[in-house]
Amino acid sequence: MKVGVANGIPLMCDKMCTDFQWQMQGLWFKADVLVIPLDSYDMVLGVQWLLPLGDIVWNFKELKMQFKVDDEVYQLKGSNTNKNTLCSMEIMNELLSDEHQLVQGQLFSLQMEGTEGLFQHKTIINDAGQQATIDILLDSFSDVFQVPSSLSPSRPYDHKILLKDESTVINLKSYRYQMAQKDVIEAMTKELLDTGVIRGSTSPFAAPVVLVKKKDGSWRMCIDYRRLNEATIKNSYPIPLIEELLDELGGASIFSKLDLRSGYHQIRMCPADVHKTTFRTHEGHFESLVMPFGLTNAPATFQALMNHTFKPLLRKSVLVFFDDILVFSKTLDQHLVHLKEVLELFRQNLLAEIIFKSYAKSNLLLIPQL
């Protein structure tokens, strides 16, 4: 059967666990639950769980709910910890070096205090002379900052989709869309066709298109590869831990951060697996010649390529976390050498469309989620 979830997309469900029991904030609950793919969520509690609780008093300001069980009042409290906390490099190092201090977090980005957004092709160093020196170096590598004019070449790290059973064919129907949304899908599909990223397909595979509204009101077109991912053999390539990466920065005073934009689209699909990427719109079937977003092993493939590309410099002057490349040095002279080495590797491996930022340590901030 199909189960409707919060984003409006129906999920397939063929399993139910009856009289499932779980504990939450010291209280035990029991209900029949449906087993569906929830990605990063362990459990979603809906109306079926709320109904047996009877009358509920809600306090959304304090994120509380009260209800009665056998004439006894119980209360559950919501979590309001999803806030970014600014933390300097010095404080973060102290936290990580204290074995008695538990630090749970995620490093989202590096940014200058008082600035927002990305600064393309610009440095953020207070000294004008230092900035000019770095700008001259960047200008000599202008090609790696440009949008690629053609598809990337095939490499040993072309993305593969290895199925648990290669006779499996994933073929799903399209989701229904209004006329205005169909216009959006047509425009985005045409853009991908024009750039050569996708082509028409006669593959028996088909995944549906999902439109996701962005903060600015525009749409992002995604492909729902969840069923294909379930049938795929998972790649166990190690993904680096943020804490371990931070340990490598001791003694560095100048940092440059390079973001490889559209990095997935700079990795080709293995020719034998192109047909498995096929997606369906109201206009027909299309398959991807580059690694699309949404495939279960795509992050592992991307990290493997980046580690291979920068292997000579890893942990010496470069840290890599997916499409974020951090170059670190003790002095400006060292940094110019390190930056040149990194940009040379981008050029040699035909990786392009980079966004560049540079920092002095005194202005470096980490933004963890504590």
Protein backbone atom coordinates (compact mmCIF):
# COMPACT_ATOMS: atom_id res chain seq x y z
CA MET A 1 0.00 0.00 0.00
CA LYS A 2 0.99 3.64 -0.34
CA VAL A 3 1.53 5.89 2.68
CA GLY A 4 1.35 9.67 2.41
CA VAL A 5 4.08 11.56 4.29
CA ALA A 6 4.66 15.21 5.18
CA ASN A 7 6.23 16.22 1.85
CA GLY A 8 3.21 14.87 -0.05
CA ILE A 9 5.13 12.06 -1.74
CA PRO A 10 3.52 8.62 -1.30
CA LEU A 11 5.87 5.89 -0.06
CA MET A 12 5.38 2.19 -0.67
CA CYS A 13 4.80 0.06 2.44
CA ASP A 14 4.52 -3.72 2.54
CA LYS A 15 5.32 -4.37 6.22
CA MET A 16 3.62 -3.62 9.55
CA CYS A 17 4.83 -4.22 13.09
CA THR A 18 1.90 -4.80 15.45
CA ASP A 19 1.94 -3.82 19.12
CA PHE A 20 5.32 -2.15 18.71
CA GLN A 21 6.57 -0.71 22.02
CA TRP A 22 9.00 2.16 22.54
CA GLN A 23 10.05 4.48 25.35
CA MET A 24 10.13 8.25 25.04
CA GLN A 25 11.10 10.63 27.85
CA GLY A 26 10.49 7.89 30.42
CA LEU A 27 7.04 6.96 29.08
CA TRP A 28 6.18 3.70 27.33
CA PHE A 29 3.94 3.65 24.26
CA LYS A 30 2.50 0.88 22.13
CA ALA A 31 1.03 1.06 18.63
CA ASP A 32 0.89 -0.65 15.26
CA VAL A 33 3.59 0.93 13.09
CA LEU A 34 4.27 0.87 9.35
CA VAL A 35 7.77 0.07 8.08
CA ILE A 36 8.71 2.54 5.33
CA PRO A 37 12.03 4.07 4.11
CA LEU A 38 12.54 7.25 6.14
CA ASP A 39 16.16 7.97 5.19
CA SER A 40 17.72 9.83 8.15
CA TYR A 41 14.66 9.56 10.45
CA ASP A 42 14.29 6.62 12.83
CA MET A 43 10.57 7.08 13.46
CA VAL A 44 7.78 9.49 12.58
CA LEU A 45 4.79 9.70 14.93
CA GLY A 46 1.53 10.69 13.29
CA VAL A 47 -2.20 10.88 13.94
CA GLN A 48 -2.48 7.13 14.54
CA TRP A 49 -0.27 7.59 17.61
CA LEU A 50 -2.07 10.73 18.81
CA LEU A 51 -5.64 9.40 18.63
CA PRO A 52 -5.41 6.96 21.58
CA LEU A 53 -4.01 9.74 23.78
CA GLY A 54 -7.38 11.49 23.79
CA ASP A 55 -7.57 15.22 24.55
CA ILE A 56 -4.16 16.87 24.24
CA VAL A 57 -3.15 20.32 25.52
CA TRP A 58 -0.56 21.86 23.17
CA ASN A 59 1.91 24.65 23.96
CA PHE A 60 3.80 25.39 20.76
CA LYS A 61 5.66 28.35 22.28
CA GLU A 62 7.34 26.10 24.85
CA LEU A 63 7.11 22.97 22.67
CA LYS A 64 5.09 20.96 25.19
CA MET A 65 2.12 18.59 25.02
CA GLN A 66 0.04 17.27 27.95
CA PHE A 67 -2.35 14.33 28.01
CA LYS A 68 -3.94 11.95 30.51
CA VAL A 69 -3.50 8.21 30.92
CA ASP A 70 -5.69 6.60 33.60
CA ASP A 71 -6.46 10.06 35.05
CA GLU A 72 -2.75 10.83 35.48
CA VAL A 73 -1.30 13.83 33.62
CA TYR A 74 1.82 13.30 31.49
CA GLN A 75 3.92 15.79 29.58
CA LEU A 76 6.29 15.50 26.62
CA LYS A 77 8.74 18.25 25.71
CA GLY A 78 10.01 19.03 22.24
CA SER A 79 13.62 19.76 21.34
CA ASN A 80 14.67 23.25 20.30
CA THR A 81 18.41 22.66 19.89
CA ASN A 82 18.68 23.10 16.12
CA LYS A 83 20.51 26.41 16.33
CA ASN A 84 23.94 27.27 14.97
CA THR A 85 26.48 28.34 17.56
CA LEU A 86 29.54 30.35 16.56
CA CYS A 87 32.72 28.89 17.92
CA SER A 88 36.28 30.13 17.37
CA MET A 89 39.10 27.84 16.30
CA GLU A 90 40.77 28.20 19.72
CA ILE A 91 37.65 27.21 21.65
CA MET A 92 36.94 24.29 19.34
CA ASN A 93 40.50 22.99 19.75
CA GLU A 94 40.14 23.20 23.54
CA LEU A 95 36.87 21.26 23.43
CA LEU A 96 38.31 18.55 21.20
CA SER A 97 41.49 18.19 23.28
CA ASP A 98 39.59 17.69 26.56
CA GLU A 99 38.92 13.96 26.91
CA HIS A 100 36.18 14.66 29.46
CA GLN A 101 34.29 17.01 27.13
CA LEU A 102 31.65 15.49 24.88
CA VAL A 103 31.31 17.49 21.68
CA GLN A 104 28.63 16.49 19.22
CA GLY A 105 28.40 18.64 16.17
CA GLN A 106 28.72 19.17 12.49
CA LEU A 107 31.02 21.66 10.79
CA PHE A 108 28.86 23.47 8.27
CA SER A 109 31.26 26.08 6.92
CA LEU A 110 34.10 28.47 7.56
CA GLN A 111 33.26 32.15 7.40
CA MET A 112 34.52 35.59 8.26
CA GLU A 113 33.00 37.34 11.25
CA GLY A 114 30.47 39.86 10.00
CA THR A 115 30.33 38.54 6.43
CA GLU A 116 27.82 36.34 4.70
CA GLY A 117 27.78 34.23 1.61
CA LEU A 118 30.47 33.08 -0.77
CA PHE A 119 33.02 35.38 -2.38
CA GLN A 120 33.81 34.16 -5.85
CA HIS A 121 37.36 34.86 -7.08
CA LYS A 122 38.13 37.10 -4.08
CA THR A 123 40.35 36.82 -1.06
CA ILE A 124 39.40 37.81 2.48
CA ILE A 125 42.74 38.86 3.96
CA ASN A 126 43.11 42.23 5.63
CA ASP A 127 46.54 42.99 4.15
CA ALA A 128 46.08 44.49 0.66
CA GLY A 129 49.53 43.36 -0.44
CA GLN A 130 48.83 39.75 0.51
CA GLN A 131 45.48 39.90 -1.25
CA ALA A 132 47.06 41.24 -4.44
CA THR A 133 49.68 38.49 -4.39
CA ILE A 134 47.03 35.78 -4.15
CA ASP A 135 44.89 37.47 -6.83
CA ILE A 136 47.81 37.32 -9.28
CA LEU A 137 48.13 33.58 -8.65
CA LEU A 138 44.39 33.04 -9.13
CA ASP A 139 44.40 34.98 -12.40
CA SER A 140 46.99 32.58 -13.81
CA PHE A 141 44.52 29.73 -13.23
CA SER A 142 41.42 31.48 -14.56
CA ASP A 143 40.44 28.35 -16.52
CA VAL A 144 39.68 26.35 -13.38
CA PHE A 145 37.20 29.00 -12.21
CA GLN A 146 35.16 28.82 -15.42
CA VAL A 147 32.07 26.68 -16.03
CA PRO A 148 33.13 23.58 -18.02
CA SER A 149 32.22 23.89 -21.69
CA SER A 150 31.94 20.13 -22.26
CA LEU A 151 31.47 16.89 -20.37
CA SER A 152 34.34 15.70 -18.22
CA PRO A 153 36.44 12.82 -19.57
CA SER A 154 36.03 9.25 -18.40
CA ARG A 155 38.18 8.40 -15.39
CA PRO A 156 38.84 5.29 -13.26
CA TYR A 157 36.27 6.79 -10.87
CA ASP A 158 33.32 6.85 -13.27
CA HIS A 159 30.26 6.07 -11.15
CA LYS A 160 28.94 2.51 -11.16
CA ILE A 161 25.57 1.19 -10.01
CA LEU A 162 26.05 -2.43 -8.93
CA LEU A 163 22.74 -4.11 -8.15
CA LYS A 164 22.22 -6.92 -5.66
CA ASP A 165 20.48 -8.74 -8.49
CA GLU A 166 21.44 -7.48 -11.93
CA SER A 167 18.21 -8.86 -13.36
CA THR A 168 16.28 -6.31 -11.26
CA VAL A 169 14.55 -3.53 -13.18
CA ILE A 170 13.23 -0.50 -11.28
CA ASN A 171 10.37 1.08 -13.21
CA LEU A 172 8.09 3.53 -11.41
CA LYS A 173 5.25 5.73 -12.60
CA SER A 174 5.53 9.52 -12.74
CA TYR A 175 4.06 11.67 -10.00
CA ARG A 176 1.18 13.94 -10.97
CA TYR A 177 1.96 17.63 -11.44
CA GLN A 178 -0.01 20.76 -12.22
CA MET A 179 0.45 22.53 -15.55
CA ALA A 180 2.74 25.21 -14.11
CA GLN A 181 4.96 22.56 -12.55
CA LYS A 182 5.09 20.65 -15.84
CA ASP A 183 6.38 23.84 -17.47
CA VAL A 184 9.17 23.94 -14.88
CA ILE A 185 10.07 20.29 -15.52
CA GLU A 186 10.15 20.89 -19.27
CA ALA A 187 12.43 23.92 -18.92
CA MET A 188 14.84 22.15 -16.58
CA THR A 189 14.93 19.03 -18.73
CA LYS A 190 15.68 21.15 -21.82
CA GLU A 191 18.56 22.86 -20.00
CA LEU A 192 20.08 19.49 -19.08
CA LEU A 193 19.66 18.27 -22.66
CA ASP A 194 21.26 21.41 -24.07
CA THR A 195 24.32 21.02 -21.83
CA GLY A 196 24.69 17.36 -22.75
CA VAL A 197 24.27 16.16 -19.17
CA ILE A 198 21.32 13.93 -20.11
CA ARG A 199 19.95 12.36 -23.28
CA GLY A 200 16.80 10.59 -24.37
CA SER A 201 16.50 6.99 -23.25
CA THR A 202 14.80 3.72 -24.20
CA SER A 203 15.86 2.02 -20.97
CA PRO A 204 13.35 -0.20 -19.10
CA PHE A 205 14.41 1.59 -15.90
CA ALA A 206 12.46 4.67 -14.80
CA ALA A 207 12.47 6.82 -11.66
CA PRO A 208 9.98 9.64 -11.04
CA VAL A 209 10.82 13.34 -10.89
CA VAL A 210 10.29 15.31 -7.69
CA LEU A 211 10.01 19.12 -7.59
CA VAL A 212 11.25 20.72 -4.37
CA LYS A 213 10.58 24.39 -3.69
CA LYS A 214 13.65 26.39 -2.61
CA LYS A 215 13.69 29.27 -0.11
CA ASP A 216 13.57 31.86 -2.89
CA GLY A 217 10.39 30.31 -4.31
CA SER A 218 12.05 28.71 -7.31
CA TRP A 219 12.07 24.97 -7.94
CA ARG A 220 14.75 22.30 -7.76
CA MET A 221 14.20 19.19 -9.88
CA CYS A 222 15.25 15.98 -8.15
CA ILE A 223 15.03 12.34 -9.17
CA ASP A 224 13.51 9.88 -6.70
CA TYR A 225 16.09 7.08 -6.78
CA ARG A 226 15.04 5.51 -3.46
CA ARG A 227 13.85 2.23 -4.96
CA LEU A 228 17.01 1.99 -7.07
CA ASN A 229 19.11 2.70 -3.98
CA GLU A 230 17.41 -0.12 -2.07
CA ALA A 231 18.48 -2.54 -4.81
CA THR A 232 22.06 -1.22 -4.97
CA ILE A 233 25.09 -2.79 -3.29
CA LYS A 234 26.40 -0.16 -0.86
CA ASN A 235 29.91 1.24 -1.27
CA SER A 236 31.81 1.15 2.04
CA TYR A 237 34.40 3.77 1.06
CA PRO A 238 35.35 5.66 4.27
CA ILE A 239 33.97 9.17 4.69
CA PRO A 240 36.27 11.44 6.78
CA LEU A 241 35.23 12.59 10.25
CA ILE A 242 35.16 16.33 10.92
CA GLU A 243 36.91 15.91 14.29
CA GLU A 244 39.82 14.09 12.69
CA LEU A 245 40.13 16.72 9.98
CA LEU A 246 40.31 19.52 12.55
CA ASP A 247 43.21 17.77 14.29
CA GLU A 248 45.33 18.33 11.18
CA LEU A 249 45.13 22.14 11.32
CA GLY A 250 47.45 22.73 14.28
CA GLY A 251 49.95 25.53 13.66
CA ALA A 252 48.34 26.79 10.45
CA SER A 253 47.58 30.51 10.22
CA ILE A 254 46.35 31.02 6.63
CA PHE A 255 43.52 29.05 5.07
CA SER A 256 41.92 28.98 1.64
CA LYS A 257 38.65 27.21 1.00
CA LEU A 258 37.79 26.06 -2.50
CA ASP A 259 34.32 24.78 -3.36
CA LEU A 260 33.98 22.61 -6.44
CA ARG A 261 30.58 23.59 -7.82
CA SER A 262 28.54 21.04 -9.78
CA GLY A 263 31.09 18.45 -8.70
CA TYR A 264 28.77 15.50 -9.28
CA HIS A 265 28.26 16.57 -12.88
CA GLN A 266 32.03 16.44 -13.41
CA ILE A 267 32.02 12.68 -12.82
CA ARG A 268 30.90 10.51 -15.71
CA MET A 269 28.58 7.55 -15.35
CA CYS A 270 30.07 4.17 -16.21
CA PRO A 271 28.71 3.46 -19.73
CA ALA A 272 27.35 0.07 -18.62
CA ASP A 273 25.20 1.74 -15.94
CA VAL A 274 23.92 4.85 -17.72
CA HIS A 275 20.57 3.17 -18.46
CA LYS A 276 19.96 2.63 -14.71
CA THR A 277 19.83 6.40 -14.12
CA THR A 278 16.77 6.81 -16.36
CA PHE A 279 14.03 9.10 -15.09
CA ARG A 280 10.54 9.67 -16.42
CA THR A 281 8.69 12.91 -17.06
CA HIS A 282 5.45 13.60 -18.92
CA GLU A 283 7.64 14.17 -22.01
CA GLY A 284 9.38 10.80 -21.95
CA HIS A 285 12.44 8.98 -20.62
CA PHE A 286 15.89 10.50 -20.09
CA GLU A 287 19.17 9.07 -18.80
CA SER A 288 22.15 10.79 -17.21
CA LEU A 289 25.65 10.73 -18.69
CA VAL A 290 27.10 12.19 -15.47
CA MET A 291 26.64 11.16 -11.85
CA PRO A 292 23.24 12.51 -10.75
CA PHE A 293 22.27 13.58 -7.26
CA GLY A 294 20.31 11.11 -5.15
CA LEU A 295 22.24 7.90 -5.80
CA THR A 296 23.21 6.07 -2.61
CA ASN A 297 26.88 5.61 -3.50
CA ALA A 298 27.43 9.01 -5.11
CA PRO A 299 29.06 10.61 -2.01
CA ALA A 300 31.52 7.70 -1.74
CA THR A 301 32.44 7.96 -5.43
CA PHE A 302 32.96 11.71 -5.13
CA GLN A 303 35.11 11.43 -2.00
CA ALA A 304 37.20 8.68 -3.64
CA LEU A 305 37.87 10.88 -6.69
CA MET A 306 38.82 13.87 -4.55
CA ASN A 307 41.13 11.81 -2.34
CA HIS A 308 42.81 10.37 -5.44
CA THR A 309 43.17 13.81 -7.03
CA PHE A 310 44.78 15.44 -3.99
CA LYS A 311 46.58 12.40 -2.57
CA PRO A 312 50.09 13.98 -2.80
CA LEU A 313 48.95 16.89 -0.60
CA LEU A 314 46.47 15.30 1.82
CA ARG A 315 47.17 16.05 5.50
CA LYS A 316 50.25 18.06 4.48
CA SER A 317 48.58 21.17 3.12
CA VAL A 318 45.11 20.01 2.04
CA LEU A 319 41.98 18.57 3.66
CA VAL A 320 39.09 17.32 1.55
CA PHE A 321 35.48 16.86 2.63
CA PHE A 322 33.42 16.09 -0.47
CA ASP A 323 33.41 19.26 -2.61
CA ASP A 324 35.07 21.43 0.07
CA ILE A 325 38.86 21.67 -0.24
CA LEU A 326 40.71 23.42 2.58
CA VAL A 327 44.29 24.55 1.92
CA PHE A 328 46.23 25.40 5.10
CA SER A 329 49.68 26.89 5.66
CA LYS A 330 51.81 28.54 8.33
CA THR A 331 53.03 31.48 6.23
CA LEU A 332 51.92 33.39 3.14
CA ASP A 333 54.93 32.17 1.14
CA GLN A 334 54.04 28.56 1.95
CA HIS A 335 50.40 29.26 1.16
CA LEU A 336 51.18 30.54 -2.33
CA VAL A 337 53.09 27.33 -3.05
CA HIS A 338 50.32 25.15 -1.62
CA LEU A 339 47.60 27.01 -3.52
CA LYS A 340 49.50 26.68 -6.78
CA GLU A 341 49.92 22.93 -6.22
CA VAL A 342 46.19 22.53 -5.60
CA LEU A 343 45.17 24.59 -8.63
CA GLU A 344 47.60 22.61 -10.79
CA LEU A 345 45.89 19.39 -9.70
CA PHE A 346 42.48 20.86 -10.54
CA ARG A 347 43.78 21.76 -13.99
CA GLN A 348 45.50 18.41 -14.60
CA ASN A 349 42.38 16.48 -13.64
CA LEU A 350 40.05 18.75 -15.64
CA LEU A 351 38.02 19.77 -12.60
CA ALA A 352 36.63 23.29 -12.85
CA GLU A 353 34.09 25.88 -11.67
CA ILE A 354 35.67 26.63 -8.31
CA ILE A 355 34.60 29.22 -5.76
CA PHE A 356 37.54 30.57 -3.75
CA LYS A 357 37.86 32.11 -0.27
CA SER A 358 40.95 32.85 1.81
CA TYR A 359 41.27 33.58 5.54
CA ALA A 360 43.72 34.81 8.11
CA LYS A 361 43.53 32.78 11.32
CA SER A 362 42.56 35.74 13.50
CA ASN A 363 39.29 36.02 11.59
CA LEU A 364 38.55 32.32 11.18
CA LEU A 365 35.35 31.02 12.71
CA LEU A 366 33.88 27.56 12.80
CA ILE A 367 30.12 27.10 12.79
CA PRO A 368 29.33 23.81 14.50
CA GLN A 369 25.92 22.53 15.55
CA LEU A 370 26.40 21.73 19.22
